[in-house]
Amino acid sequence: IHTLSALDEARGGVGHTVQIHKIKGTGMAESALAENLKRAVGKDINM
């Protein structure tokens, strides 16, 4: 999953960063989670 997060302004950050996170597991690539995430592109998520 490719995400856009705000930098921590309390630590002097300004702007945003792009991060890639991996969710691993058997059957994950064809899972219902993968389909739900595809439909959620452009929305906010909690991790």
ModelCIF file with pLDDT and N, C-alpha, C, O atoms, coordinates in Angstrom:
data_MODEL
#
_entry.id   MODEL 
#
_entity.id                         1 
_entity.type                       polymer 
_entity.pdbx_number_of_molecules   1 
#
_entity_poly.entity_id                      1 
_entity_poly.type                           'polypeptide(L)' 
_entity_poly.nstd_linkage                   no 
_entity_poly.nstd_monomer                   no 
_entity_poly.pdbx_seq_one_letter_code       IHTLSALDEARGGVGHTVQIHKIKGTGMAESALAENLKRAVGKDINM 
_entity_poly.pdbx_seq_one_letter_code_can   IHTLSALDEARGGVGHTVQIHKIKGTGMAESALAENLKRAVGKDINM 
_entity_poly.pdbx_strand_id                 A 
#
loop_
_entity_poly_seq.entity_id 
_entity_poly_seq.num 
_entity_poly_seq.mon_id 
_entity_poly_seq.hetero 
1 1  ILE n 
1 2  HIS n 
1 3  THR n 
1 4  LEU n 
1 5  SER n 
1 6  ALA n 
1 7  LEU n 
1 8  ASP n 
1 9  GLU n 
1 10 ALA n 
1 11 ARG n 
1 12 GLY n 
1 13 GLY n 
1 14 VAL n 
1 15 GLY n 
1 16 HIS n 
1 17 THR n 
1 18 VAL n 
1 19 GLN n 
1 20 ILE n 
1 21 HIS n 
1 22 LYS n 
1 23 ILE n 
1 24 LYS n 
1 25 GLY n 
1 26 THR n 
1 27 GLY n 
1 28 MET n 
1 29 ALA n 
1 30 GLU n 
1 31 SER n 
1 32 ALA n 
1 33 LEU n 
1 34 ALA n 
1 35 GLU n 
1 36 ASN n 
1 37 LEU n 
1 38 LYS n 
1 39 ARG n 
1 40 ALA n 
1 41 VAL n 
1 42 GLY n 
1 43 LYS n 
1 44 ASP n 
1 45 ILE n 
1 46 ASN n 
1 47 MET n 
#
_struct_asym.id          A 
_struct_asym.entity_id   1 
#
loop_
_ma_qa_metric.id 
_ma_qa_metric.mode 
_ma_qa_metric.name 
_ma_qa_metric.software_group_id 
_ma_qa_metric.type 
1 global pLDDT . pLDDT 
2 local  pLDDT . pLDDT 
#
_ma_qa_metric_global.metric_id      1 
_ma_qa_metric_global.metric_value   90.87 
_ma_qa_metric_global.model_id       1 
_ma_qa_metric_global.ordinal_id     1 
#
loop_
_ma_qa_metric_local.label_asym_id 
_ma_qa_metric_local.label_comp_id 
_ma_qa_metric_local.label_seq_id 
_ma_qa_metric_local.metric_id 
_ma_qa_metric_local.metric_value 
_ma_qa_metric_local.model_id 
_ma_qa_metric_local.ordinal_id 
A ILE 1  2 94.00 1 1  
A HIS 2  2 97.00 1 2  
A THR 3  2 97.00 1 3  
A LEU 4  2 96.00 1 4  
A SER 5  2 92.00 1 5  
A ALA 6  2 90.00 1 6  
A LEU 7  2 89.00 1 7  
A ASP 8  2 85.00 1 8  
A GLU 9  2 88.00 1 9  
A ALA 10 2 90.00 1 10 
A ARG 11 2 89.00 1 11 
A GLY 12 2 90.00 1 12 
A GLY 13 2 89.00 1 13 
A VAL 14 2 93.00 1 14 
A GLY 15 2 94.00 1 15 
A HIS 16 2 94.00 1 16 
A THR 17 2 93.00 1 17 
A VAL 18 2 95.00 1 18 
A GLN 19 2 94.00 1 19 
A ILE 20 2 94.00 1 20 
A HIS 21 2 92.00 1 21 
A LYS 22 2 90.00 1 22 
A ILE 23 2 89.00 1 23 
A LYS 24 2 85.00 1 24 
A GLY 25 2 82.00 1 25 
A THR 26 2 80.00 1 26 
A GLY 27 2 85.00 1 27 
A MET 28 2 83.00 1 28 
A ALA 29 2 82.00 1 29 
A GLU 30 2 86.00 1 30 
A SER 31 2 88.00 1 31 
A ALA 32 2 90.00 1 32 
A LEU 33 2 88.00 1 33 
A ALA 34 2 90.00 1 34 
A GLU 35 2 91.00 1 35 
A ASN 36 2 92.00 1 36 
A LEU 37 2 93.00 1 37 
A LYS 38 2 93.00 1 38 
A ARG 39 2 92.00 1 39 
A ALA 40 2 94.00 1 40 
A VAL 41 2 95.00 1 41 
A GLY 42 2 95.00 1 42 
A LYS 43 2 95.00 1 43 
A ASP 44 2 95.00 1 44 
A ILE 45 2 95.00 1 45 
A ASN 46 2 94.00 1 46 
A MET 47 2 94.00 1 47 
#
loop_
_atom_site.group_PDB 
_atom_site.id 
_atom_site.type_symbol 
_atom_site.label_atom_id 
_atom_site.label_alt_id 
_atom_site.label_comp_id 
_atom_site.label_asym_id 
_atom_site.label_entity_id 
_atom_site.label_seq_id 
_atom_site.pdbx_PDB_ins_code 
_atom_site.Cartn_x 
_atom_site.Cartn_y 
_atom_site.Cartn_z 
_atom_site.occupancy 
_atom_site.B_iso_or_equiv 
_atom_site.pdbx_formal_charge 
_atom_site.auth_seq_id 
_atom_site.auth_comp_id 
_atom_site.auth_asym_id 
_atom_site.auth_atom_id 
_atom_site.pdbx_PDB_model_num 
ATOM 1   N N  . ILE A 1 1  ? 0.863   -1.182  0.000  1.00 94.00 ? 1  ILE A N  1 
ATOM 2   C CA . ILE A 1 1  ? 0.000   0.000   0.000  1.00 94.00 ? 1  ILE A CA 1 
ATOM 3   C C  . ILE A 1 1  ? 0.902   1.236   0.000  1.00 94.00 ? 1  ILE A C  1 
ATOM 4   O O  . ILE A 1 1  ? 1.871   1.319   0.755  1.00 94.00 ? 1  ILE A O  1 
ATOM 5   N N  . HIS A 1 2  ? 0.566   2.171   -0.846 1.00 97.00 ? 2  HIS A N  1 
ATOM 6   C CA . HIS A 1 2  ? 1.318   3.421   -0.994 1.00 97.00 ? 2  HIS A CA 1 
ATOM 7   C C  . HIS A 1 2  ? 0.485   4.515   -0.338 1.00 97.00 ? 2  HIS A C  1 
ATOM 8   O O  . HIS A 1 2  ? -0.671  4.731   -0.704 1.00 97.00 ? 2  HIS A O  1 
ATOM 9   N N  . THR A 1 3  ? 1.083   5.205   0.636  1.00 97.00 ? 3  THR A N  1 
ATOM 10  C CA . THR A 1 3  ? 0.326   6.182   1.415  1.00 97.00 ? 3  THR A CA 1 
ATOM 11  C C  . THR A 1 3  ? 1.016   7.544   1.425  1.00 97.00 ? 3  THR A C  1 
ATOM 12  O O  . THR A 1 3  ? 2.220   7.656   1.192  1.00 97.00 ? 3  THR A O  1 
ATOM 13  N N  . LEU A 1 4  ? 0.222   8.566   1.701  1.00 96.00 ? 4  LEU A N  1 
ATOM 14  C CA . LEU A 1 4  ? 0.702   9.942   1.838  1.00 96.00 ? 4  LEU A CA 1 
ATOM 15  C C  . LEU A 1 4  ? 0.417   10.373  3.273  1.00 96.00 ? 4  LEU A C  1 
ATOM 16  O O  . LEU A 1 4  ? -0.734  10.372  3.710  1.00 96.00 ? 4  LEU A O  1 
ATOM 17  N N  . SER A 1 5  ? 1.471   10.741  4.005  1.00 92.00 ? 5  SER A N  1 
ATOM 18  C CA . SER A 1 5  ? 1.336   11.134  5.410  1.00 92.00 ? 5  SER A CA 1 
ATOM 19  C C  . SER A 1 5  ? 1.954   12.507  5.624  1.00 92.00 ? 5  SER A C  1 
ATOM 20  O O  . SER A 1 5  ? 2.951   12.863  4.996  1.00 92.00 ? 5  SER A O  1 
ATOM 21  N N  . ALA A 1 6  ? 1.345   13.267  6.518  1.00 90.00 ? 6  ALA A N  1 
ATOM 22  C CA . ALA A 1 6  ? 1.907   14.572  6.882  1.00 90.00 ? 6  ALA A CA 1 
ATOM 23  C C  . ALA A 1 6  ? 3.134   14.364  7.752  1.00 90.00 ? 6  ALA A C  1 
ATOM 24  O O  . ALA A 1 6  ? 3.160   13.474  8.602  1.00 90.00 ? 6  ALA A O  1 
ATOM 25  N N  . LEU A 1 7  ? 4.159   15.197  7.535  1.00 89.00 ? 7  LEU A N  1 
ATOM 26  C CA . LEU A 1 7  ? 5.332   15.168  8.401  1.00 89.00 ? 7  LEU A CA 1 
ATOM 27  C C  . LEU A 1 7  ? 4.975   15.771  9.752  1.00 89.00 ? 7  LEU A C  1 
ATOM 28  O O  . LEU A 1 7  ? 4.086   16.618  9.832  1.00 89.00 ? 7  LEU A O  1 
ATOM 29  N N  . ASP A 1 8  ? 5.639   15.355  10.792 1.00 85.00 ? 8  ASP A N  1 
ATOM 30  C CA . ASP A 1 8  ? 5.363   15.803  12.153 1.00 85.00 ? 8  ASP A CA 1 
ATOM 31  C C  . ASP A 1 8  ? 5.844   17.244  12.336 1.00 85.00 ? 8  ASP A C  1 
ATOM 32  O O  . ASP A 1 8  ? 7.042   17.502  12.453 1.00 85.00 ? 8  ASP A O  1 
ATOM 33  N N  . GLU A 1 9  ? 4.895   18.167  12.358 1.00 88.00 ? 9  GLU A N  1 
ATOM 34  C CA . GLU A 1 9  ? 5.242   19.582  12.501 1.00 88.00 ? 9  GLU A CA 1 
ATOM 35  C C  . GLU A 1 9  ? 5.872   19.885  13.854 1.00 88.00 ? 9  GLU A C  1 
ATOM 36  O O  . GLU A 1 9  ? 6.663   20.820  13.971 1.00 88.00 ? 9  GLU A O  1 
ATOM 37  N N  . ALA A 1 10 ? 5.528   19.102  14.881 1.00 90.00 ? 10 ALA A N  1 
ATOM 38  C CA . ALA A 1 10 ? 6.099   19.302  16.216 1.00 90.00 ? 10 ALA A CA 1 
ATOM 39  C C  . ALA A 1 10 ? 7.600   19.032  16.216 1.00 90.00 ? 10 ALA A C  1 
ATOM 40  O O  . ALA A 1 10 ? 8.315   19.494  17.105 1.00 90.00 ? 10 ALA A O  1 
ATOM 41  N N  . ARG A 1 11 ? 8.076   18.287  15.223 1.00 89.00 ? 11 ARG A N  1 
ATOM 42  C CA . ARG A 1 11 ? 9.502   17.993  15.112 1.00 89.00 ? 11 ARG A CA 1 
ATOM 43  C C  . ARG A 1 11 ? 10.155  18.774  13.971 1.00 89.00 ? 11 ARG A C  1 
ATOM 44  O O  . ARG A 1 11 ? 11.241  18.422  13.511 1.00 89.00 ? 11 ARG A O  1 
ATOM 45  N N  . GLY A 1 12 ? 9.492   19.824  13.523 1.00 90.00 ? 12 GLY A N  1 
ATOM 46  C CA . GLY A 1 12 ? 10.069  20.690  12.500 1.00 90.00 ? 12 GLY A CA 1 
ATOM 47  C C  . GLY A 1 12 ? 9.739   20.294  11.079 1.00 90.00 ? 12 GLY A C  1 
ATOM 48  O O  . GLY A 1 12 ? 10.237  20.908  10.135 1.00 90.00 ? 12 GLY A O  1 
ATOM 49  N N  . GLY A 1 13 ? 8.898   19.269  10.905 1.00 89.00 ? 13 GLY A N  1 
ATOM 50  C CA . GLY A 1 13 ? 8.545   18.817  9.564  1.00 89.00 ? 13 GLY A CA 1 
ATOM 51  C C  . GLY A 1 13 ? 7.568   19.753  8.882  1.00 89.00 ? 13 GLY A C  1 
ATOM 52  O O  . GLY A 1 13 ? 6.686   20.324  9.523  1.00 89.00 ? 13 GLY A O  1 
ATOM 53  N N  . VAL A 1 14 ? 7.730   19.903  7.583  1.00 93.00 ? 14 VAL A N  1 
ATOM 54  C CA . VAL A 1 14 ? 6.823   20.700  6.778  1.00 93.00 ? 14 VAL A CA 1 
ATOM 55  C C  . VAL A 1 14 ? 6.510   19.886  5.529  1.00 93.00 ? 14 VAL A C  1 
ATOM 56  O O  . VAL A 1 14 ? 7.427   19.439  4.840  1.00 93.00 ? 14 VAL A O  1 
ATOM 57  N N  . GLY A 1 15 ? 5.245   19.689  5.231  1.00 94.00 ? 15 GLY A N  1 
ATOM 58  C CA . GLY A 1 15 ? 4.865   18.959  4.025  1.00 94.00 ? 15 GLY A CA 1 
ATOM 59  C C  . GLY A 1 15 ? 4.436   17.520  4.300  1.00 94.00 ? 15 GLY A C  1 
ATOM 60  O O  . GLY A 1 15 ? 3.938   17.193  5.378  1.00 94.00 ? 15 GLY A O  1 
ATOM 61  N N  . HIS A 1 16 ? 4.642   16.684  3.307  1.00 94.00 ? 16 HIS A N  1 
ATOM 62  C CA . HIS A 1 16 ? 4.179   15.295  3.367  1.00 94.00 ? 16 HIS A CA 1 
ATOM 63  C C  . HIS A 1 16 ? 5.271   14.335  2.902  1.00 94.00 ? 16 HIS A C  1 
ATOM 64  O O  . HIS A 1 16 ? 6.264   14.742  2.298  1.00 94.00 ? 16 HIS A O  1 
ATOM 65  N N  . THR A 1 17 ? 5.064   13.055  3.198  1.00 93.00 ? 17 THR A N  1 
ATOM 66  C CA . THR A 1 17 ? 5.961   12.009  2.726  1.00 93.00 ? 17 THR A CA 1 
ATOM 67  C C  . THR A 1 17 ? 5.144   10.862  2.157  1.00 93.00 ? 17 THR A C  1 
ATOM 68  O O  . THR A 1 17 ? 4.030   10.599  2.609  1.00 93.00 ? 17 THR A O  1 
ATOM 69  N N  . VAL A 1 18 ? 5.693   10.190  1.179  1.00 95.00 ? 18 VAL A N  1 
ATOM 70  C CA . VAL A 1 18 ? 5.057   9.009   0.603  1.00 95.00 ? 18 VAL A CA 1 
ATOM 71  C C  . VAL A 1 18 ? 5.775   7.790   1.168  1.00 95.00 ? 18 VAL A C  1 
ATOM 72  O O  . VAL A 1 18 ? 7.005   7.736   1.189  1.00 95.00 ? 18 VAL A O  1 
ATOM 73  N N  . GLN A 1 19 ? 4.995   6.813   1.625  1.00 94.00 ? 19 GLN A N  1 
ATOM 74  C CA . GLN A 1 19 ? 5.571   5.595   2.184  1.00 94.00 ? 19 GLN A CA 1 
ATOM 75  C C  . GLN A 1 19 ? 4.932   4.381   1.547  1.00 94.00 ? 19 GLN A C  1 
ATOM 76  O O  . GLN A 1 19 ? 3.783   4.429   1.107  1.00 94.00 ? 19 GLN A O  1 
ATOM 77  N N  . ILE A 1 20 ? 5.682   3.292   1.499  1.00 94.00 ? 20 ILE A N  1 
ATOM 78  C CA . ILE A 1 20 ? 5.165   2.011   1.030  1.00 94.00 ? 20 ILE A CA 1 
ATOM 79  C C  . ILE A 1 20 ? 5.200   1.050   2.199  1.00 94.00 ? 20 ILE A C  1 
ATOM 80  O O  . ILE A 1 20 ? 6.238   0.871   2.835  1.00 94.00 ? 20 ILE A O  1 
ATOM 81  N N  . HIS A 1 21 ? 4.059   0.429   2.481  1.00 92.00 ? 21 HIS A N  1 
ATOM 82  C CA . HIS A 1 21 ? 3.953   -0.555  3.557  1.00 92.00 ? 21 HIS A CA 1 
ATOM 83  C C  . HIS A 1 21 ? 3.543   -1.877  2.927  1.00 92.00 ? 21 HIS A C  1 
ATOM 84  O O  . HIS A 1 21 ? 2.802   -1.897  1.945  1.00 92.00 ? 21 HIS A O  1 
ATOM 85  N N  . LYS A 1 22 ? 4.024   -2.978  3.490  1.00 90.00 ? 22 LYS A N  1 
ATOM 86  C CA . LYS A 1 22 ? 3.696   -4.305  2.967  1.00 90.00 ? 22 LYS A CA 1 
ATOM 87  C C  . LYS A 1 22 ? 2.874   -5.077  3.983  1.00 90.00 ? 22 LYS A C  1 
ATOM 88  O O  . LYS A 1 22 ? 3.206   -5.132  5.167  1.00 90.00 ? 22 LYS A O  1 
ATOM 89  N N  . ILE A 1 23 ? 1.785   -5.679  3.489  1.00 89.00 ? 23 ILE A N  1 
ATOM 90  C CA . ILE A 1 23 ? 0.958   -6.566  4.301  1.00 89.00 ? 23 ILE A CA 1 
ATOM 91  C C  . ILE A 1 23 ? 1.210   -7.958  3.761  1.00 89.00 ? 23 ILE A C  1 
ATOM 92  O O  . ILE A 1 23 ? 0.833   -8.265  2.630  1.00 89.00 ? 23 ILE A O  1 
ATOM 93  N N  . LYS A 1 24 ? 1.848   -8.805  4.563  1.00 85.00 ? 24 LYS A N  1 
ATOM 94  C CA . LYS A 1 24 ? 2.238   -10.130 4.093  1.00 85.00 ? 24 LYS A CA 1 
ATOM 95  C C  . LYS A 1 24 ? 1.325   -11.199 4.661  1.00 85.00 ? 24 LYS A C  1 
ATOM 96  O O  . LYS A 1 24 ? 0.764   -11.046 5.746  1.00 85.00 ? 24 LYS A O  1 
ATOM 97  N N  . GLY A 1 25 ? 1.183   -12.292 3.909  1.00 82.00 ? 25 GLY A N  1 
ATOM 98  C CA . GLY A 1 25 ? 0.406   -13.431 4.389  1.00 82.00 ? 25 GLY A CA 1 
ATOM 99  C C  . GLY A 1 25 ? -0.073  -14.287 3.240  1.00 82.00 ? 25 GLY A C  1 
ATOM 100 O O  . GLY A 1 25 ? -0.219  -13.808 2.115  1.00 82.00 ? 25 GLY A O  1 
ATOM 101 N N  . THR A 1 26 ? -0.316  -15.549 3.521  1.00 80.00 ? 26 THR A N  1 
ATOM 102 C CA . THR A 1 26 ? -0.770  -16.482 2.503  1.00 80.00 ? 26 THR A CA 1 
ATOM 103 C C  . THR A 1 26 ? -2.122  -16.055 1.949  1.00 80.00 ? 26 THR A C  1 
ATOM 104 O O  . THR A 1 26 ? -3.055  -15.794 2.709  1.00 80.00 ? 26 THR A O  1 
ATOM 105 N N  . GLY A 1 27 ? -2.226  -15.985 0.639  1.00 85.00 ? 27 GLY A N  1 
ATOM 106 C CA . GLY A 1 27 ? -3.482  -15.608 -0.006 1.00 85.00 ? 27 GLY A CA 1 
ATOM 107 C C  . GLY A 1 27 ? -3.758  -14.116 0.000  1.00 85.00 ? 27 GLY A C  1 
ATOM 108 O O  . GLY A 1 27 ? -4.828  -13.682 -0.428 1.00 85.00 ? 27 GLY A O  1 
ATOM 109 N N  . MET A 1 28 ? -2.818  -13.335 0.473  1.00 83.00 ? 28 MET A N  1 
ATOM 110 C CA . MET A 1 28 ? -3.046  -11.901 0.651  1.00 83.00 ? 28 MET A CA 1 
ATOM 111 C C  . MET A 1 28 ? -3.277  -11.173 -0.678 1.00 83.00 ? 28 MET A C  1 
ATOM 112 O O  . MET A 1 28 ? -4.133  -10.292 -0.755 1.00 83.00 ? 28 MET A O  1 
ATOM 113 N N  . ALA A 1 29 ? -2.531  -11.529 -1.716 1.00 82.00 ? 29 ALA A N  1 
ATOM 114 C CA . ALA A 1 29 ? -2.628  -10.806 -2.987 1.00 82.00 ? 29 ALA A CA 1 
ATOM 115 C C  . ALA A 1 29 ? -4.017  -10.906 -3.604 1.00 82.00 ? 29 ALA A C  1 
ATOM 116 O O  . ALA A 1 29 ? -4.440  -10.005 -4.328 1.00 82.00 ? 29 ALA A O  1 
ATOM 117 N N  . GLU A 1 30 ? -4.729  -11.994 -3.322 1.00 86.00 ? 30 GLU A N  1 
ATOM 118 C CA . GLU A 1 30 ? -6.076  -12.166 -3.880 1.00 86.00 ? 30 GLU A CA 1 
ATOM 119 C C  . GLU A 1 30 ? -7.163  -12.072 -2.822 1.00 86.00 ? 30 GLU A C  1 
ATOM 120 O O  . GLU A 1 30 ? -8.282  -12.532 -3.049 1.00 86.00 ? 30 GLU A O  1 
ATOM 121 N N  . SER A 1 31 ? -6.858  -11.488 -1.674 1.00 88.00 ? 31 SER A N  1 
ATOM 122 C CA . SER A 1 31 ? -7.781  -11.456 -0.549 1.00 88.00 ? 31 SER A CA 1 
ATOM 123 C C  . SER A 1 31 ? -8.864  -10.387 -0.695 1.00 88.00 ? 31 SER A C  1 
ATOM 124 O O  . SER A 1 31 ? -8.780  -9.499  -1.543 1.00 88.00 ? 31 SER A O  1 
ATOM 125 N N  . ALA A 1 32 ? -9.877  -10.503 0.157  1.00 90.00 ? 32 ALA A N  1 
ATOM 126 C CA . ALA A 1 32 ? -10.926 -9.480  0.213  1.00 90.00 ? 32 ALA A CA 1 
ATOM 127 C C  . ALA A 1 32 ? -10.335 -8.150  0.663  1.00 90.00 ? 32 ALA A C  1 
ATOM 128 O O  . ALA A 1 32 ? -10.795 -7.089  0.240  1.00 90.00 ? 32 ALA A O  1 
ATOM 129 N N  . LEU A 1 33 ? -9.313  -8.203  1.523  1.00 88.00 ? 33 LEU A N  1 
ATOM 130 C CA . LEU A 1 33 ? -8.659  -6.961  1.960  1.00 88.00 ? 33 LEU A CA 1 
ATOM 131 C C  . LEU A 1 33 ? -8.055  -6.230  0.772  1.00 88.00 ? 33 LEU A C  1 
ATOM 132 O O  . LEU A 1 33 ? -8.174  -5.009  0.671  1.00 88.00 ? 33 LEU A O  1 
ATOM 133 N N  . ALA A 1 34 ? -7.411  -6.958  -0.124 1.00 90.00 ? 34 ALA A N  1 
ATOM 134 C CA . ALA A 1 34 ? -6.817  -6.327  -1.309 1.00 90.00 ? 34 ALA A CA 1 
ATOM 135 C C  . ALA A 1 34 ? -7.893  -5.630  -2.130 1.00 90.00 ? 34 ALA A C  1 
ATOM 136 O O  . ALA A 1 34 ? -7.692  -4.504  -2.586 1.00 90.00 ? 34 ALA A O  1 
ATOM 137 N N  . GLU A 1 35 ? -9.030  -6.287  -2.322 1.00 91.00 ? 35 GLU A N  1 
ATOM 138 C CA . GLU A 1 35 ? -10.121 -5.679  -3.096 1.00 91.00 ? 35 GLU A CA 1 
ATOM 139 C C  . GLU A 1 35 ? -10.696 -4.461  -2.393 1.00 91.00 ? 35 GLU A C  1 
ATOM 140 O O  . GLU A 1 35 ? -10.983 -3.452  -3.038 1.00 91.00 ? 35 GLU A O  1 
ATOM 141 N N  . ASN A 1 36 ? -10.870 -4.541  -1.067 1.00 92.00 ? 36 ASN A N  1 
ATOM 142 C CA . ASN A 1 36 ? -11.386 -3.394  -0.311 1.00 92.00 ? 36 ASN A CA 1 
ATOM 143 C C  . ASN A 1 36 ? -10.420 -2.217  -0.361 1.00 92.00 ? 36 ASN A C  1 
ATOM 144 O O  . ASN A 1 36 ? -10.843 -1.067  -0.471 1.00 92.00 ? 36 ASN A O  1 
ATOM 145 N N  . LEU A 1 37 ? -9.131  -2.502  -0.281 1.00 93.00 ? 37 LEU A N  1 
ATOM 146 C CA . LEU A 1 37 ? -8.143  -1.427  -0.355 1.00 93.00 ? 37 LEU A CA 1 
ATOM 147 C C  . LEU A 1 37 ? -8.138  -0.781  -1.733 1.00 93.00 ? 37 LEU A C  1 
ATOM 148 O O  . LEU A 1 37 ? -7.984  0.435   -1.841 1.00 93.00 ? 37 LEU A O  1 
ATOM 149 N N  . LYS A 1 38 ? -8.303  -1.566  -2.776 1.00 93.00 ? 38 LYS A N  1 
ATOM 150 C CA . LYS A 1 38 ? -8.361  -0.991  -4.130 1.00 93.00 ? 38 LYS A CA 1 
ATOM 151 C C  . LYS A 1 38 ? -9.507  0.000   -4.239 1.00 93.00 ? 38 LYS A C  1 
ATOM 152 O O  . LYS A 1 38 ? -9.366  1.048   -4.869 1.00 93.00 ? 38 LYS A O  1 
ATOM 153 N N  . ARG A 1 39 ? -10.637 -0.324  -3.631 1.00 92.00 ? 39 ARG A N  1 
ATOM 154 C CA . ARG A 1 39 ? -11.795 0.583   -3.674 1.00 92.00 ? 39 ARG A CA 1 
ATOM 155 C C  . ARG A 1 39 ? -11.601 1.821   -2.792 1.00 92.00 ? 39 ARG A C  1 
ATOM 156 O O  . ARG A 1 39 ? -12.302 2.820   -2.954 1.00 92.00 ? 39 ARG A O  1 
ATOM 157 N N  . ALA A 1 40 ? -10.647 1.748   -1.859 1.00 94.00 ? 40 ALA A N  1 
ATOM 158 C CA . ALA A 1 40 ? -10.432 2.858   -0.924 1.00 94.00 ? 40 ALA A CA 1 
ATOM 159 C C  . ALA A 1 40 ? -9.338  3.824   -1.377 1.00 94.00 ? 40 ALA A C  1 
ATOM 160 O O  . ALA A 1 40 ? -9.018  4.769   -0.656 1.00 94.00 ? 40 ALA A O  1 
ATOM 161 N N  . VAL A 1 41 ? -8.763  3.603   -2.557 1.00 95.00 ? 41 VAL A N  1 
ATOM 162 C CA . VAL A 1 41 ? -7.714  4.510   -3.038 1.00 95.00 ? 41 VAL A CA 1 
ATOM 163 C C  . VAL A 1 41 ? -8.278  5.933   -3.091 1.00 95.00 ? 41 VAL A C  1 
ATOM 164 O O  . VAL A 1 41 ? -9.372  6.169   -3.604 1.00 95.00 ? 41 VAL A O  1 
ATOM 165 N N  . GLY A 1 42 ? -7.503  6.869   -2.548 1.00 95.00 ? 42 GLY A N  1 
ATOM 166 C CA . GLY A 1 42 ? -7.933  8.264   -2.478 1.00 95.00 ? 42 GLY A CA 1 
ATOM 167 C C  . GLY A 1 42 ? -8.576  8.629   -1.157 1.00 95.00 ? 42 GLY A C  1 
ATOM 168 O O  . GLY A 1 42 ? -8.841  9.804   -0.904 1.00 95.00 ? 42 GLY A O  1 
ATOM 169 N N  . LYS A 1 43 ? -8.834  7.637   -0.302 1.00 95.00 ? 43 LYS A N  1 
ATOM 170 C CA . LYS A 1 43 ? -9.475  7.874   0.999  1.00 95.00 ? 43 LYS A CA 1 
ATOM 171 C C  . LYS A 1 43 ? -8.441  7.767   2.115  1.00 95.00 ? 43 LYS A C  1 
ATOM 172 O O  . LYS A 1 43 ? -7.339  7.253   1.924  1.00 95.00 ? 43 LYS A O  1 
ATOM 173 N N  . ASP A 1 44 ? -8.830  8.269   3.283  1.00 95.00 ? 44 ASP A N  1 
ATOM 174 C CA . ASP A 1 44 ? -7.981  8.145   4.463  1.00 95.00 ? 44 ASP A CA 1 
ATOM 175 C C  . ASP A 1 44 ? -8.140  6.753   5.060  1.00 95.00 ? 44 ASP A C  1 
ATOM 176 O O  . ASP A 1 44 ? -9.240  6.200   5.072  1.00 95.00 ? 44 ASP A O  1 
ATOM 177 N N  . ILE A 1 45 ? -7.042  6.188   5.555  1.00 95.00 ? 45 ILE A N  1 
ATOM 178 C CA . ILE A 1 45 ? -7.061  4.894   6.225  1.00 95.00 ? 45 ILE A CA 1 
ATOM 179 C C  . ILE A 1 45 ? -6.349  5.026   7.565  1.00 95.00 ? 45 ILE A C  1 
ATOM 180 O O  . ILE A 1 45 ? -5.565  5.952   7.776  1.00 95.00 ? 45 ILE A O  1 
ATOM 181 N N  . ASN A 1 46 ? -6.629  4.097   8.461  1.00 94.00 ? 46 ASN A N  1 
ATOM 182 C CA . ASN A 1 46 ? -5.950  4.031   9.752  1.00 94.00 ? 46 ASN A CA 1 
ATOM 183 C C  . ASN A 1 46 ? -5.104  2.768   9.774  1.00 94.00 ? 46 ASN A C  1 
ATOM 184 O O  . ASN A 1 46 ? -5.563  1.702   9.363  1.00 94.00 ? 46 ASN A O  1 
ATOM 185 N N  . MET A 1 47 ? -3.875  2.884   10.250 1.00 94.00 ? 47 MET A N  1 
ATOM 186 C CA . MET A 1 47 ? -2.967  1.744   10.291 1.00 94.00 ? 47 MET A CA 1 
ATOM 187 C C  . MET A 1 47 ? -2.467  1.537   11.718 1.00 94.00 ? 47 MET A C  1 
ATOM 188 O O  . MET A 1 47 ? -1.685  0.620   11.972 1.00 94.00 ? 47 MET A O  1 
#
